[in-house]
Amino acid sequence: MTAPVNSTAAGCAAPDQAAPLPASVDLEKETVITGLVTASDGSAVGGAYVRLLDSTGEFAAEVVTSPAGQFRFFAAPGTWTLRALSRHGNGDTTVTAERGITEVGVQVG
């Protein structure tokens, strides 16, 4: 018997990070942090683990990047650290997110 195919990453309950935002997302009320993980040569890093850490460094969430290196979090407005862990190395980026979409890149290596 074959398992059903769905829009979640293998082994993870997170939605497909490359999928468009659902039409029901109200960007006037919600905060979305989205971006791309890249290696030092600029190539996209698929399969990286991206952690969302709050302003005190506490773990809040984790997703796996799409094959094209994309990730997305729904978070509260504020200052966050994104920590990417990959076979190419690790990298951190701090972002201040407001309501709507905040785009950020995280370089690893």
C-alpha atoms as a PDB file:
ATOM      1  CA  MET A   1       0.000   0.000   0.000  1.00  0.00           C
ATOM      2  CA  THR A   2       1.355   3.435  -0.943  1.00  0.00           C
ATOM      3  CA  ALA A   3       1.158   6.352   1.489  1.00  0.00           C
ATOM      4  CA  PRO A   4      -0.930   9.299   0.260  1.00  0.00           C
ATOM      5  CA  VAL A   5       0.939  12.266  -1.180  1.00  0.00           C
ATOM      6  CA  ASN A   6       0.322  15.563   0.557  1.00  0.00           C
ATOM      7  CA  SER A   7       1.838  19.048   0.738  1.00  0.00           C
ATOM      8  CA  THR A   8       4.019  18.477   3.788  1.00  0.00           C
ATOM      9  CA  ALA A   9       7.753  17.936   3.752  1.00  0.00           C
ATOM     10  CA  ALA A  10       8.818  14.332   4.192  1.00  0.00           C
ATOM     11  CA  GLY A  11       9.012  13.458   7.878  1.00  0.00           C
ATOM     12  CA  CYS A  12       7.788  16.881   8.953  1.00  0.00           C
ATOM     13  CA  ALA A  13       4.341  18.335   9.565  1.00  0.00           C
ATOM     14  CA  ALA A  14       5.350  21.698   8.065  1.00  0.00           C
ATOM     15  CA  PRO A  15       3.585  22.706   4.837  1.00  0.00           C
ATOM     16  CA  ASP A  16       5.465  22.750   1.551  1.00  0.00           C
ATOM     17  CA  GLN A  17       7.717  25.799   1.883  1.00  0.00           C
ATOM     18  CA  ALA A  18       7.482  26.561  -1.852  1.00  0.00           C
ATOM     19  CA  ALA A  19       3.662  26.628  -1.918  1.00  0.00           C
ATOM     20  CA  PRO A  20       1.958  30.006  -2.351  1.00  0.00           C
ATOM     21  CA  LEU A  21       0.410  31.620   0.715  1.00  0.00           C
ATOM     22  CA  PRO A  22      -3.152  30.418   1.270  1.00  0.00           C
ATOM     23  CA  ALA A  23      -5.797  32.906   0.127  1.00  0.00           C
ATOM     24  CA  SER A  24      -7.163  32.977   3.693  1.00  0.00           C
ATOM     25  CA  VAL A  25      -4.001  34.682   5.058  1.00  0.00           C
ATOM     26  CA  ASP A  26      -4.821  38.283   6.047  1.00  0.00           C
ATOM     27  CA  LEU A  27      -1.519  40.153   5.766  1.00  0.00           C
ATOM     28  CA  GLU A  28      -2.968  43.143   7.612  1.00  0.00           C
ATOM     29  CA  LYS A  29      -3.334  40.938  10.705  1.00  0.00           C
ATOM     30  CA  GLU A  30      -0.629  38.287  10.296  1.00  0.00           C
ATOM     31  CA  THR A  31       3.173  38.332  10.236  1.00  0.00           C
ATOM     32  CA  VAL A  32       4.929  36.088   7.727  1.00  0.00           C
ATOM     33  CA  ILE A  33       8.714  35.664   7.656  1.00  0.00           C
ATOM     34  CA  THR A  34       9.812  34.152   4.368  1.00  0.00           C
ATOM     35  CA  GLY A  35      13.109  33.760   2.637  1.00  0.00           C
ATOM     36  CA  LEU A  36      15.850  31.768   1.035  1.00  0.00           C
ATOM     37  CA  VAL A  37      18.831  29.844   2.395  1.00  0.00           C
ATOM     38  CA  THR A  38      21.916  30.138   0.190  1.00  0.00           C
ATOM     39  CA  ALA A  39      25.463  28.775   0.272  1.00  0.00           C
ATOM     40  CA  SER A  40      28.472  31.112   0.156  1.00  0.00           C
ATOM     41  CA  ASP A  41      28.556  30.707  -3.648  1.00  0.00           C
ATOM     42  CA  GLY A  42      24.958  31.991  -3.898  1.00  0.00           C
ATOM     43  CA  SER A  43      23.357  28.647  -4.731  1.00  0.00           C
ATOM     44  CA  ALA A  44      20.085  27.716  -3.035  1.00  0.00           C
ATOM     45  CA  VAL A  45      20.299  25.177  -0.208  1.00  0.00           C
ATOM     46  CA  GLY A  46      17.417  22.723  -0.192  1.00  0.00           C
ATOM     47  CA  GLY A  47      16.863  20.460   2.796  1.00  0.00           C
ATOM     48  CA  ALA A  48      18.329  22.897   5.330  1.00  0.00           C
ATOM     49  CA  TYR A  49      16.728  23.122   8.762  1.00  0.00           C
ATOM     50  CA  VAL A  50      15.723  26.690   9.602  1.00  0.00           C
ATOM     51  CA  ARG A  51      15.004  27.459  13.243  1.00  0.00           C
ATOM     52  CA  LEU A  52      13.041  30.461  14.463  1.00  0.00           C
ATOM     53  CA  LEU A  53      14.410  31.799  17.763  1.00  0.00           C
ATOM     54  CA  ASP A  54      12.773  34.568  19.792  1.00  0.00           C
ATOM     55  CA  SER A  55      14.564  37.692  21.066  1.00  0.00           C
ATOM     56  CA  THR A  56      15.921  35.746  24.070  1.00  0.00           C
ATOM     57  CA  GLY A  57      17.290  32.936  21.881  1.00  0.00           C
ATOM     58  CA  GLU A  58      14.544  30.476  22.795  1.00  0.00           C
ATOM     59  CA  PHE A  59      13.444  27.984  20.141  1.00  0.00           C
ATOM     60  CA  ALA A  60      10.012  28.767  18.653  1.00  0.00           C
ATOM     61  CA  ALA A  61       9.724  26.682  15.463  1.00  0.00           C
ATOM     62  CA  GLU A  62      11.614  24.796  12.768  1.00  0.00           C
ATOM     63  CA  VAL A  63      10.984  24.037   9.087  1.00  0.00           C
ATOM     64  CA  VAL A  64      12.910  22.297   6.316  1.00  0.00           C
ATOM     65  CA  THR A  65      13.650  24.355   3.216  1.00  0.00           C
ATOM     66  CA  SER A  66      12.157  23.432  -0.136  1.00  0.00           C
ATOM     67  CA  PRO A  67      14.477  22.038  -2.833  1.00  0.00           C
ATOM     68  CA  ALA A  68      14.872  25.687  -3.961  1.00  0.00           C
ATOM     69  CA  GLY A  69      15.977  26.772  -0.456  1.00  0.00           C
ATOM     70  CA  GLN A  70      12.700  28.504   0.476  1.00  0.00           C
ATOM     71  CA  PHE A  71      11.259  28.719   3.983  1.00  0.00           C
ATOM     72  CA  ARG A  72       8.299  30.399   5.708  1.00  0.00           C
ATOM     73  CA  PHE A  73       7.184  31.074   9.269  1.00  0.00           C
ATOM     74  CA  PHE A  74       4.012  32.595  10.676  1.00  0.00           C
ATOM     75  CA  ALA A  75       5.129  34.570  13.723  1.00  0.00           C
ATOM     76  CA  ALA A  76       4.265  37.527  15.936  1.00  0.00           C
ATOM     77  CA  PRO A  77       5.682  40.953  15.086  1.00  0.00           C
ATOM     78  CA  GLY A  78       9.077  41.488  16.726  1.00  0.00           C
ATOM     79  CA  THR A  79      12.758  40.628  16.543  1.00  0.00           C
ATOM     80  CA  TRP A  80      13.647  37.064  15.611  1.00  0.00           C
ATOM     81  CA  THR A  81      16.788  35.095  14.812  1.00  0.00           C
ATOM     82  CA  LEU A  82      16.752  32.636  11.928  1.00  0.00           C
ATOM     83  CA  ARG A  83      19.331  29.859  12.280  1.00  0.00           C
ATOM     84  CA  ALA A  84      19.938  27.661   9.238  1.00  0.00           C
ATOM     85  CA  LEU A  85      21.657  24.283   9.659  1.00  0.00           C
ATOM     86  CA  SER A  86      22.766  22.470   6.510  1.00  0.00           C
ATOM     87  CA  ARG A  87      25.349  20.204   4.920  1.00  0.00           C
ATOM     88  CA  HIS A  88      27.023  23.402   3.601  1.00  0.00           C
ATOM     89  CA  GLY A  89      27.427  24.829   7.095  1.00  0.00           C
ATOM     90  CA  ASN A  90      25.337  26.982   9.385  1.00  0.00           C
ATOM     91  CA  GLY A  91      24.276  30.620   9.428  1.00  0.00           C
ATOM     92  CA  ASP A  92      22.282  33.089  11.524  1.00  0.00           C
ATOM     93  CA  THR A  93      20.345  36.212  10.550  1.00  0.00           C
ATOM     94  CA  THR A  94      18.393  38.573  12.797  1.00  0.00           C
ATOM     95  CA  VAL A  95      15.204  40.099  11.431  1.00  0.00           C
ATOM     96  CA  THR A  96      12.633  42.547  12.741  1.00  0.00           C
ATOM     97  CA  ALA A  97       9.268  41.453  11.384  1.00  0.00           C
ATOM     98  CA  GLU A  98       6.145  43.592  11.148  1.00  0.00           C
ATOM     99  CA  ARG A  99       2.645  42.618  10.048  1.00  0.00           C
ATOM    100  CA  GLY A 100       2.627  41.500   6.439  1.00  0.00           C
ATOM    101  CA  ILE A 101       5.476  39.719   4.678  1.00  0.00           C
ATOM    102  CA  THR A 102       9.083  40.156   5.768  1.00  0.00           C
ATOM    103  CA  GLU A 103      11.599  38.682   3.332  1.00  0.00           C
ATOM    104  CA  VAL A 104      15.062  37.644   4.497  1.00  0.00           C
ATOM    105  CA  GLY A 105      18.008  35.632   3.277  1.00  0.00           C
ATOM    106  CA  VAL A 106      20.182  33.348   5.383  1.00  0.00           C
ATOM    107  CA  GLN A 107      23.649  32.470   4.115  1.00  0.00           C
ATOM    108  CA  VAL A 108      25.360  29.307   5.287  1.00  0.00           C
ATOM    109  CA  GLY A 109      28.900  28.153   4.848  1.00  0.00           C
END
